[in-house]
Protein backbone atom coordinates (compact mmCIF):
# COMPACT_ATOMS: atom_id res chain seq x y z
CA MET A 1 165.42 228.93 167.05
CA LYS A 2 164.27 232.20 165.40
CA ARG A 3 160.77 230.84 165.18
CA ILE A 4 160.80 230.29 168.77
CA LEU A 5 162.02 233.72 169.73
CA ILE A 6 159.45 235.52 167.57
CA ILE A 7 156.64 233.35 169.19
CA SER A 8 157.82 234.17 172.66
CA LEU A 9 158.05 237.93 171.70
CA LEU A 10 154.31 237.83 170.46
CA VAL A 11 153.29 236.08 173.62
CA ILE A 12 154.86 238.67 175.83
CA LEU A 13 153.45 241.48 173.81
CA THR A 14 149.98 239.97 173.91
CA ILE A 15 150.06 239.44 177.70
CA SER A 16 151.26 243.27 178.08
CA GLY A 17 148.41 244.33 175.79
CA LEU A 18 145.76 242.25 177.67
CA MET A 19 146.90 243.55 180.89
CA ALA A 20 146.49 247.14 179.89
CA LEU A 21 142.87 246.52 178.48
CA VAL A 22 141.41 244.29 181.11
CA SER A 23 140.15 245.54 184.54
CA ASN A 24 141.36 244.13 187.83
CA ASP A 25 138.48 241.87 188.41
CA LYS A 26 139.01 240.16 185.24
CA TYR A 27 142.69 239.72 185.59
CA ASP A 28 142.74 236.32 187.13
CA ALA A 29 140.64 234.88 184.34
CA VAL A 30 142.77 236.47 181.65
CA VAL A 31 146.04 235.00 183.56
CA SER A 32 144.33 231.60 183.46
CA LYS A 33 143.84 231.85 179.94
CA LEU A 34 147.31 233.06 179.32
CA ASN A 35 148.66 230.11 181.32
CA LYS A 36 146.72 227.88 178.94
CA GLU A 37 148.09 229.70 175.85
CA ARG A 38 151.60 229.42 177.34
CA LYS A 39 151.42 225.52 177.69
CA LYS A 40 150.06 225.19 174.29
CA ASN A 41 152.92 227.46 173.01
CA ALA A 42 155.49 225.61 174.86
CA LYS A 43 154.08 222.34 173.27
CA LEU A 44 154.40 224.00 169.97
CA VAL A 45 157.80 225.04 170.66
CA GLN A 46 158.73 221.43 171.53
CA GLU A 47 157.26 220.20 168.31
CA LEU A 48 159.14 222.81 166.33
CA GLU A 49 162.35 221.89 167.91
CA SER A 50 161.69 218.07 167.13
CA ASN A 51 161.01 219.10 163.46
CA GLU A 52 164.11 221.01 163.29
CA LYS A 53 166.17 218.12 164.60
CA GLN A 54 164.41 215.75 162.06
CA ASN A 55 165.08 218.14 159.33
CA ASP A 56 168.73 218.45 160.20
CA LYS A 57 168.89 214.75 160.00
CA LEU A 58 167.13 214.64 156.73
CA ILE A 59 169.68 217.38 155.33
CA ASN A 60 172.63 215.12 156.61
CA THR A 61 171.02 212.15 155.09
CA TYR A 62 170.64 213.92 151.75
CA GLN A 63 174.10 215.20 151.70
CA ASP A 64 175.48 211.68 152.35
CA THR A 65 173.26 210.44 149.58
CA ILE A 66 174.46 213.04 147.10
CA SER A 67 177.98 212.27 148.04
CA ILE A 68 177.51 208.41 147.24
CA LEU A 69 175.58 209.26 144.06
CA LYS A 70 178.55 211.41 143.02
CA LYS A 71 180.87 208.44 143.67
CA GLU A 72 178.58 206.16 141.79
CA MET A 73 178.32 208.59 138.84
CA TYR A 74 182.12 208.72 138.70
CA ILE A 75 182.40 204.91 138.70
CA SER A 76 179.66 204.66 135.89
CA TYR A 77 181.51 207.12 133.74
CA GLN A 78 184.76 205.20 134.09
CA ASN A 79 182.92 201.96 133.07
CA TYR A 80 181.34 203.82 130.21
CA ILE A 81 184.80 204.79 129.08
CA GLU A 82 185.98 201.27 129.51
CA ALA A 83 182.81 199.82 127.76
CA SER A 84 183.24 202.16 124.75
CA LYS A 85 186.93 201.00 124.44
CA GLU A 86 185.83 197.43 124.64
CA ASN A 87 183.01 197.99 122.03
CA GLU A 88 185.59 199.40 119.55
CA GLN A 89 187.57 196.36 120.22
CA LEU A 90 184.62 194.14 119.49
CA LYS A 91 183.95 196.00 116.22
CA ASP A 92 187.50 195.45 115.16
CA ARG A 93 186.82 191.66 115.91
CA VAL A 94 183.64 191.40 114.10
CA LYS A 95 185.15 193.00 111.09
CA LYS A 96 187.99 190.26 111.27
CA LEU A 97 185.46 187.49 111.97
CA GLY A 98 183.10 188.83 109.22
CA GLY A 99 184.84 186.63 106.54
CA LYS A 100 184.37 183.51 108.66
CA VAL A 101 180.66 184.08 109.06
CA GLY A 102 180.02 183.11 105.52
CA ASP A 103 182.12 180.09 105.78
CA LEU A 104 180.21 179.21 109.00
CA SER A 105 176.92 179.89 107.13
CA GLU A 106 177.96 177.65 104.34
CA SER A 107 178.97 175.00 106.85
CA LYS A 108 175.62 175.61 108.71
CA SER A 109 173.62 174.95 105.48
CA ASN A 110 175.64 171.69 104.76
CA LEU A 111 175.12 170.64 108.35
CA ALA A 112 171.50 171.33 107.91
CA GLU A 113 171.16 169.18 104.80
CA ARG A 114 172.96 166.35 106.44
CA MET A 115 171.04 166.57 109.54
CA GLY A 116 167.79 166.46 107.21
CA LYS A 117 169.17 163.27 105.58
CA LEU A 118 170.00 161.83 109.00
CA GLU A 119 166.50 162.67 110.16
CA GLU A 120 165.09 160.87 107.11
CA GLU A 121 167.38 157.73 107.81
CA LYS A 122 166.39 157.75 111.55
CA ALA A 123 162.74 157.96 110.69
CA LYS A 124 163.26 154.79 108.43
CA LEU A 125 165.15 152.96 111.08
CA GLU A 126 162.53 153.99 113.76
CA LYS A 127 159.76 152.34 111.30
CA GLN A 128 161.85 149.42 110.75
CA LYS A 129 162.42 149.15 114.56
CA ARG A 130 158.78 149.33 115.14
CA VAL A 131 158.18 146.49 112.44
CA LEU A 132 160.69 144.37 114.08
CA LEU A 133 159.38 144.86 117.55
CA ALA A 134 156.05 143.94 116.25
CA ASP A 135 157.22 140.93 114.49
CA ARG A 136 159.24 140.04 117.96
CA LYS A 137 155.98 140.56 119.70
CA ASN A 138 154.15 138.25 117.22
CA ILE A 139 156.90 135.55 117.30
CA LYS A 140 156.96 135.58 121.01
CA LYS A 141 153.28 135.02 121.05
CA GLU A 142 153.41 132.41 118.51
CA MET A 143 156.12 130.64 120.37
CA GLU A 144 153.91 130.86 123.62
CA ASN A 145 151.18 129.29 121.52
CA LEU A 146 153.39 126.58 120.30
CA ASN A 147 154.59 125.79 123.82
CA GLU A 148 151.07 125.61 125.00
CA GLU A 149 150.22 123.43 122.00
CA LYS A 150 153.36 121.28 122.66
CA ALA A 151 152.45 120.95 126.48
CA THR A 152 148.93 119.84 125.26
CA LEU A 153 150.12 117.53 122.85
CA ASN A 154 152.63 116.05 125.31
CA GLU A 155 149.83 115.87 127.94
CA GLU A 156 147.56 114.12 125.10
CA LYS A 157 150.50 111.78 124.01
CA LEU A 158 150.72 110.71 127.66
CA GLN A 159 146.92 110.30 127.85
CA LEU A 160 147.02 108.45 124.59
CA SER A 161 149.90 106.24 125.64
CA ASP A 162 148.05 105.37 129.02
CA GLN A 163 144.86 104.71 126.90
CA ILE A 164 147.03 102.46 124.63
CA LYS A 165 148.41 100.56 127.56
CA GLU A 166 144.80 100.25 128.92
CA LEU A 167 143.46 99.03 125.58
CA LYS A 168 146.26 96.62 125.46
CA LYS A 169 145.46 95.23 128.72
CA LEU A 170 141.76 95.15 127.96
CA LYS A 171 142.69 93.41 124.64
CA GLU A 172 144.83 90.89 126.60
CA ALA A 173 142.16 90.47 129.14
CA ALA A 174 139.74 90.02 126.36
CA GLU A 175 141.86 87.57 124.54
CA LYS A 176 142.17 85.66 127.88
CA ARG A 177 138.49 85.63 128.40
CA SER A 178 138.02 84.51 124.86
CA ALA A 179 140.50 81.74 125.20
CA GLU A 180 139.03 80.65 128.49
CA PHE A 181 135.60 80.88 126.68
CA LYS A 182 136.69 78.51 123.94
CA LYS A 183 138.29 76.18 126.51
CA VAL A 184 135.14 76.09 128.61
CA MET A 185 133.07 75.55 125.54
CA ALA A 186 135.14 72.82 124.40
CA LYS A 187 134.81 71.02 127.78
CA LEU A 188 131.13 71.65 128.11
CA GLN A 189 130.35 71.08 124.20
CA ASN A 190 128.55 67.71 125.01
CA MET A 191 126.34 69.42 127.75
CA ILE A 192 125.76 72.21 125.38
CA ASP A 193 124.75 69.90 122.57
CA ALA A 194 122.58 67.91 124.87
CA GLY A 195 120.76 71.06 125.80
CA THR A 196 121.63 70.82 129.39
CA LEU A 197 123.17 74.25 129.66
CA SER A 198 124.30 77.15 127.47
CA VAL A 199 127.41 79.37 127.68
CA VAL A 200 127.02 82.99 126.68
CA MET A 201 129.09 86.34 126.90
CA ARG A 202 126.91 89.09 128.48
CA ASP A 203 128.27 92.48 129.50
CA GLY A 204 131.89 91.15 129.02
CA ARG A 205 131.36 88.29 131.19
CA MET A 206 130.93 84.66 130.55
CA ILE A 207 127.71 83.01 131.81
CA VAL A 208 126.84 79.51 132.03
CA SER A 209 123.02 78.98 132.35
CA LEU A 210 121.15 75.95 133.37
CA SER A 211 117.40 75.58 133.24
CA SER A 212 115.64 75.38 136.61
CA ASP A 213 113.18 72.77 134.95
CA ILE A 214 116.36 70.51 134.60
CA LEU A 215 117.65 71.20 138.15
CA PHE A 216 114.66 71.24 140.22
CA PRO A 217 111.07 70.08 140.36
CA PRO A 218 108.47 72.76 140.01
CA GLY A 219 108.40 75.04 143.04
CA LYS A 220 110.95 73.08 144.91
CA THR A 221 114.59 73.81 145.85
CA TYR A 222 116.13 70.32 146.10
CA LEU A 223 117.98 69.20 143.18
CA SER A 224 116.81 66.46 140.91
CA THR A 225 118.74 63.56 139.73
CA ALA A 226 119.43 64.98 136.29
CA GLY A 227 120.44 68.34 137.99
CA LYS A 228 122.82 66.62 140.21
CA VAL A 229 124.50 64.94 137.37
CA ALA A 230 124.63 68.17 135.17
CA LEU A 231 126.16 70.19 138.00
CA ALA A 232 128.75 67.28 138.98
CA ASN A 233 129.82 67.41 135.21
CA LEU A 234 129.99 71.21 135.49
CA ALA A 235 132.04 71.08 138.60
CA ARG A 236 134.73 69.12 136.81
CA THR A 237 135.35 72.09 134.43
CA LEU A 238 135.04 74.83 137.05
CA ARG A 239 137.53 73.30 139.57
CA THR A 240 140.08 73.47 136.95
CA LEU A 241 139.88 77.28 136.84
CA GLY A 242 141.54 77.86 140.26
CA ASP A 243 141.91 81.73 139.95
CA ARG A 244 138.35 82.18 139.12
CA ASN A 245 135.37 83.36 141.21
CA PHE A 246 131.93 82.38 140.48
CA LEU A 247 128.64 84.08 141.20
CA VAL A 248 125.73 81.75 141.29
CA VAL A 249 122.39 83.53 140.78
CA GLY A 250 118.94 82.06 140.99
CA HIS A 251 116.22 83.36 138.55
CA SER A 252 112.38 82.86 138.59
CA ASP A 253 109.58 83.79 136.13
CA ASN A 254 106.87 86.16 137.28
CA ASP A 255 104.50 83.65 138.72
CA LYS A 256 104.48 84.59 142.38
CA ILE A 257 104.99 82.20 145.07
CA ASN A 258 103.66 82.69 148.64
CA THR A 259 104.33 79.66 150.89
CA LYS A 260 105.41 79.40 154.60
CA ARG A 261 108.91 78.35 153.58
CA TYR A 262 109.16 80.64 150.52
CA PRO A 263 107.07 83.89 151.09
CA SER A 264 108.13 85.30 147.57
CA ASN A 265 110.35 84.48 144.64
CA TRP A 266 113.23 86.09 146.39
CA GLU A 267 113.50 83.24 148.79
CA LEU A 268 112.83 80.73 146.17
CA SER A 269 115.50 82.03 143.64
CA SER A 270 118.21 82.58 146.48
CA GLN A 271 117.61 79.13 148.01
CA ARG A 272 118.13 77.28 144.53
CA ALA A 273 121.41 79.37 144.06
CA ILE A 274 122.47 78.14 147.59
CA GLU A 275 121.56 74.34 146.55
CA VAL A 276 123.51 74.63 143.41
CA VAL A 277 126.76 76.35 145.41
CA LYS A 278 126.43 73.28 147.92
CA LEU A 279 126.70 70.77 145.23
CA LEU A 280 129.51 72.53 143.40
CA GLU A 281 131.40 72.59 146.64
CA THR A 282 130.66 68.78 147.29
CA ASN A 283 131.99 68.17 143.84
CA GLY A 284 135.46 69.83 144.44
CA VAL A 285 135.06 73.56 143.64
CA ASN A 286 136.76 75.84 146.10
CA PRO A 287 133.99 77.21 148.33
CA ALA A 288 135.99 80.57 148.83
CA MET A 289 135.46 81.06 145.01
CA LEU A 290 131.62 80.80 145.20
CA THR A 291 128.98 83.28 146.03
CA ALA A 292 125.36 82.75 145.78
CA GLY A 293 122.31 85.18 145.21
CA GLY A 294 118.88 85.44 144.02
CA ALA A 295 117.45 87.94 141.57
CA SER A 296 113.76 86.83 141.91
CA MET A 297 111.88 87.77 138.82
CA PHE A 298 113.67 91.02 138.03
CA ASP A 299 116.29 89.92 135.68
CA PRO A 300 114.44 88.04 132.78
CA LEU A 301 116.00 87.08 129.50
CA VAL A 302 112.75 87.48 127.72
CA ALA A 303 109.17 88.64 128.49
CA ASN A 304 107.17 86.35 130.46
CA ASP A 305 104.31 86.41 128.19
CA THR A 306 104.23 82.67 127.04
CA LYS A 307 104.97 79.27 129.10
CA TYR A 308 108.00 78.86 126.90
CA HIS A 309 109.55 82.32 127.62
CA LYS A 310 108.60 81.78 131.31
CA ALA A 311 110.62 78.50 131.22
CA GLN A 312 113.67 80.40 129.59
CA ASN A 313 113.51 82.78 132.53
CA ARG A 314 113.37 80.03 135.31
CA ARG A 315 117.18 79.40 135.36
CA VAL A 316 120.43 79.24 137.49
CA GLU A 317 123.18 81.23 135.99
CA ILE A 318 127.02 80.79 136.99
CA VAL A 319 128.65 84.02 136.35
CA PHE A 320 132.50 83.83 135.65
CA MET A 321 133.54 86.88 137.63
CA PRO A 322 136.36 89.06 136.28
CA ASN A 323 139.75 89.06 138.20
CA MET A 324 140.92 92.41 139.58
CA GLU A 325 143.66 92.59 136.85
CA GLU A 326 141.10 92.27 134.21
CA ILE A 327 139.18 95.35 135.38
CA PRO A 328 140.40 98.64 133.74
CA GLY A 329 142.00 100.70 136.40
CA PHE A 330 142.49 97.92 138.93
CA GLY A 331 145.57 96.13 137.61
CA PRO A 332 148.61 95.80 139.68
CA ASP A 333 150.36 98.87 138.11
CA GLU A 334 147.22 100.89 138.87
CA GLN A 335 146.94 99.75 142.42
CA GLY A 336 150.37 101.33 143.32
CA LYS A 337 149.51 104.71 141.55
């Protein structure tokens, strides 16, 4: 407030001095200027008043802060006194516990030594554990391998068992064929000795072979008298084998034929087989068991390089066809699988 009064007096004195110095014609200009200065001074007065208010607030704030700090200093002092007391008490306790520290240090040392031994034992046990785990892993792997080998062996055992059964059946079939072969050989022995026919085993099948030179005139398909007699005697043996099928196959040499009735050796060899089948049927062989076919010149016994060899290749063969149960994999047991 003192500053405001002083500024106001200065303004008044300034105005009075200026009025005495200036002339009347400059009065208005001076008054205008003074009004401007008055406005500025009024603004300054407002700013000063505002600053004084802020200063008063700051002073009050500082006084409150000082009051709080005094209280806190008093509390801190009281805490310091209490802490000093507690410190003295702690010193007394430390003195009392001093004797126990040595005992604890010794116990600590003993514990450290025991801990060291325990750590060593732990390390040994860990090592043994790793070894046992490795052994367990190896044993597990070996067990898996053994189980796989066992499964493989069981499978092989089953396969061997099946093979043994199959071999047994083959053996039985072979023995049956052998017995049948001997039986047929015995019945046909006179014809074999006479050279009318021959009996051989070829590719596991019994084959009765008759020379075409005995059965047929050269280049003909009708049976000769000797041929009819030979086939009639053979039929008496074949009709006793009621469960056996027969494939009658005609064969020729490589001398080609080309007639109106027989354009090639195919027709000639096939027709000769048919004539043999008809005569066997006439002599009591079940026709359902007979099949006729021709092989022409394409299944020779020997090379067609001499007259003798060509005579061997001109033949009619009666093949004893195997029954289904004699064929591996086609027996009654296998049919149901």
